[in-house]
Structure formats: structure tokens, C-alpha cells
Amino acid sequence: MIDTMRPIRSESPLLRYLNAISALAGCPYLISCNPTTKLRLQSELYALSSPGGPHYAPRSVRKAANCTLDVVFPLGKHTRYIVRLLF
């Protein structure tokens, strides 16, 4: 899943992929994933949500990545919001 998302550079397929990941939020497959896989997914979503390198994602992709992060990993939602406001 992560290795498929990394090379996608077009905006519309990336948005569809992020929406599909959001739909998997309560899926038992995602819950039972290896912690390393979850960490890789979280770091890739975080890289997509931040402006600038390495992805230089458009604003719509950054917003979708932030929403996906909040849906899939709800425990850090408030902390990520505070960090985004401060930096």
C-alpha cells in the first residue's frame, strides 16, 4: 500500500488513493497490520501533508492527507493540529 502510494505524482489519483485509505480506517486488516507498516503509512501521510519537499504536494493533496491522518490515526489528531499551528 505504501510502496504504491510513493511513486504517484498526479493529483487526482493521489486524492482517490487517500480517500480509499480513509475508508479503510475501521478495517480489521489495517488494525492488524505490523506496527512498522503503520509507522511507514503514518510517515508517508505526514510527508504528503507538509508543504515543500520531498513531495511538493498541491494544497488539495495536503488537506486530504491531513484528513486521512486524522481518520486513520485519531490518537495524535490534537497534537498534530497544535504542531501545525505553531510551525
C-alpha atoms as a PDB file:
ATOM      1  CA  MET A   1       0.000   0.000   0.000  1.00  0.00           C
ATOM      2  CA  ILE A   2       2.762   2.447   0.933  1.00  0.00           C
ATOM      3  CA  ASP A   3       5.072   1.421  -1.885  1.00  0.00           C
ATOM      4  CA  THR A   4       2.204   2.017  -4.314  1.00  0.00           C
ATOM      5  CA  MET A   5       1.444   5.479  -2.962  1.00  0.00           C
ATOM      6  CA  ARG A   6       5.024   6.765  -3.011  1.00  0.00           C
ATOM      7  CA  PRO A   7       5.563   6.988  -6.800  1.00  0.00           C
ATOM      8  CA  ILE A   8       2.158   8.569  -7.568  1.00  0.00           C
ATOM      9  CA  ARG A   9       2.694  12.195  -8.559  1.00  0.00           C
ATOM     10  CA  SER A  10      -0.622  13.106 -10.189  1.00  0.00           C
ATOM     11  CA  GLU A  11      -3.123  14.927  -8.044  1.00  0.00           C
ATOM     12  CA  SER A  12      -6.370  13.115  -8.885  1.00  0.00           C
ATOM     13  CA  PRO A  13      -5.105   9.520  -8.453  1.00  0.00           C
ATOM     14  CA  LEU A  14      -3.421  10.512  -5.213  1.00  0.00           C
ATOM     15  CA  LEU A  15      -6.661  12.025  -3.904  1.00  0.00           C
ATOM     16  CA  ARG A  16      -8.554   8.841  -4.800  1.00  0.00           C
ATOM     17  CA  TYR A  17      -5.904   6.743  -3.084  1.00  0.00           C
ATOM     18  CA  LEU A  18      -6.084   8.875   0.067  1.00  0.00           C
ATOM     19  CA  ASN A  19      -9.888   8.579   0.113  1.00  0.00           C
ATOM     20  CA  ALA A  20      -9.578   4.794  -0.188  1.00  0.00           C
ATOM     21  CA  ILE A  21      -7.153   4.710   2.752  1.00  0.00           C
ATOM     22  CA  SER A  22      -9.612   6.796   4.793  1.00  0.00           C
ATOM     23  CA  ALA A  23     -12.319   4.242   4.029  1.00  0.00           C
ATOM     24  CA  LEU A  24     -10.060   1.516   5.478  1.00  0.00           C
ATOM     25  CA  ALA A  25      -9.920   3.237   8.880  1.00  0.00           C
ATOM     26  CA  GLY A  26     -12.035   0.670  10.736  1.00  0.00           C
ATOM     27  CA  CYS A  27     -10.967  -2.305   8.633  1.00  0.00           C
ATOM     28  CA  PRO A  28      -9.550  -5.272  10.572  1.00  0.00           C
ATOM     29  CA  TYR A  29      -6.734  -5.541   8.009  1.00  0.00           C
ATOM     30  CA  LEU A  30      -5.450  -2.090   8.869  1.00  0.00           C
ATOM     31  CA  ILE A  31      -5.841  -2.684  12.598  1.00  0.00           C
ATOM     32  CA  SER A  32      -3.886  -5.950  12.471  1.00  0.00           C
ATOM     33  CA  CYS A  33      -1.025  -4.514  10.401  1.00  0.00           C
ATOM     34  CA  ASN A  34       2.513  -4.720  11.623  1.00  0.00           C
ATOM     35  CA  PRO A  35       3.497  -1.657  13.716  1.00  0.00           C
ATOM     36  CA  THR A  36       6.318  -0.950  11.263  1.00  0.00           C
ATOM     37  CA  THR A  37       3.818  -0.819   8.412  1.00  0.00           C
ATOM     38  CA  LYS A  38       1.587   1.552  10.366  1.00  0.00           C
ATOM     39  CA  LEU A  39       4.571   3.780  11.085  1.00  0.00           C
ATOM     40  CA  ARG A  40       5.564   3.823   7.401  1.00  0.00           C
ATOM     41  CA  LEU A  41       1.998   4.725   6.420  1.00  0.00           C
ATOM     42  CA  GLN A  42       1.869   7.472   9.018  1.00  0.00           C
ATOM     43  CA  SER A  43       5.199   8.926   7.921  1.00  0.00           C
ATOM     44  CA  GLU A  44       4.180   8.873   4.242  1.00  0.00           C
ATOM     45  CA  LEU A  45       0.888  10.603   5.042  1.00  0.00           C
ATOM     46  CA  TYR A  46       2.737  13.161   7.139  1.00  0.00           C
ATOM     47  CA  ALA A  47       5.200  13.795   4.285  1.00  0.00           C
ATOM     48  CA  LEU A  48       2.259  14.360   1.939  1.00  0.00           C
ATOM     49  CA  SER A  49       0.591  16.723   4.400  1.00  0.00           C
ATOM     50  CA  SER A  50       3.587  19.012   4.801  1.00  0.00           C
ATOM     51  CA  PRO A  51       4.355  21.721   2.237  1.00  0.00           C
ATOM     52  CA  GLY A  52       7.600  21.538   0.337  1.00  0.00           C
ATOM     53  CA  GLY A  53       9.864  18.556  -0.200  1.00  0.00           C
ATOM     54  CA  PRO A  54      10.103  15.701  -0.796  1.00  0.00           C
ATOM     55  CA  HIS A  55       6.686  15.570  -2.486  1.00  0.00           C
ATOM     56  CA  TYR A  56       5.740  19.216  -3.163  1.00  0.00           C
ATOM     57  CA  ALA A  57       2.097  18.167  -2.979  1.00  0.00           C
ATOM     58  CA  PRO A  58      -0.668  20.593  -4.001  1.00  0.00           C
ATOM     59  CA  ARG A  59      -2.904  22.096  -1.318  1.00  0.00           C
ATOM     60  CA  SER A  60      -5.777  19.689  -2.036  1.00  0.00           C
ATOM     61  CA  VAL A  61      -3.487  16.683  -1.543  1.00  0.00           C
ATOM     62  CA  ARG A  62      -2.079  18.173   1.667  1.00  0.00           C
ATOM     63  CA  LYS A  63      -5.588  18.699   3.054  1.00  0.00           C
ATOM     64  CA  ALA A  64      -6.662  15.178   2.053  1.00  0.00           C
ATOM     65  CA  ALA A  65      -3.513  13.734   3.647  1.00  0.00           C
ATOM     66  CA  ASN A  66      -4.255  15.643   6.868  1.00  0.00           C
ATOM     67  CA  CYS A  67      -7.827  14.335   6.900  1.00  0.00           C
ATOM     68  CA  THR A  68      -6.620  10.793   6.215  1.00  0.00           C
ATOM     69  CA  LEU A  69      -4.095  11.075   9.035  1.00  0.00           C
ATOM     70  CA  ASP A  70      -6.833  12.235  11.411  1.00  0.00           C
ATOM     71  CA  VAL A  71      -9.184   9.415  10.396  1.00  0.00           C
ATOM     72  CA  VAL A  72      -6.692   6.549  10.361  1.00  0.00           C
ATOM     73  CA  PHE A  73      -4.593   7.681  13.347  1.00  0.00           C
ATOM     74  CA  PRO A  74      -7.011   9.587  15.612  1.00  0.00           C
ATOM     75  CA  LEU A  75      -4.823   9.449  18.735  1.00  0.00           C
ATOM     76  CA  GLY A  76      -2.434  12.149  17.534  1.00  0.00           C
ATOM     77  CA  LYS A  77      -5.060  14.401  15.995  1.00  0.00           C
ATOM     78  CA  HIS A  78      -4.925  17.230  18.544  1.00  0.00           C
ATOM     79  CA  THR A  79      -1.143  17.107  18.861  1.00  0.00           C
ATOM     80  CA  ARG A  80      -0.698  17.324  15.081  1.00  0.00           C
ATOM     81  CA  TYR A  81      -3.116  20.259  14.963  1.00  0.00           C
ATOM     82  CA  ILE A  82      -1.183  22.157  17.653  1.00  0.00           C
ATOM     83  CA  VAL A  83       2.161  21.460  15.940  1.00  0.00           C
ATOM     84  CA  ARG A  84       0.757  22.674  12.605  1.00  0.00           C
ATOM     85  CA  LEU A  85      -0.398  25.908  14.256  1.00  0.00           C
ATOM     86  CA  LEU A  86       2.937  26.526  15.964  1.00  0.00           C
ATOM     87  CA  PHE A  87       5.148  25.833  12.980  1.00  0.00           C
END
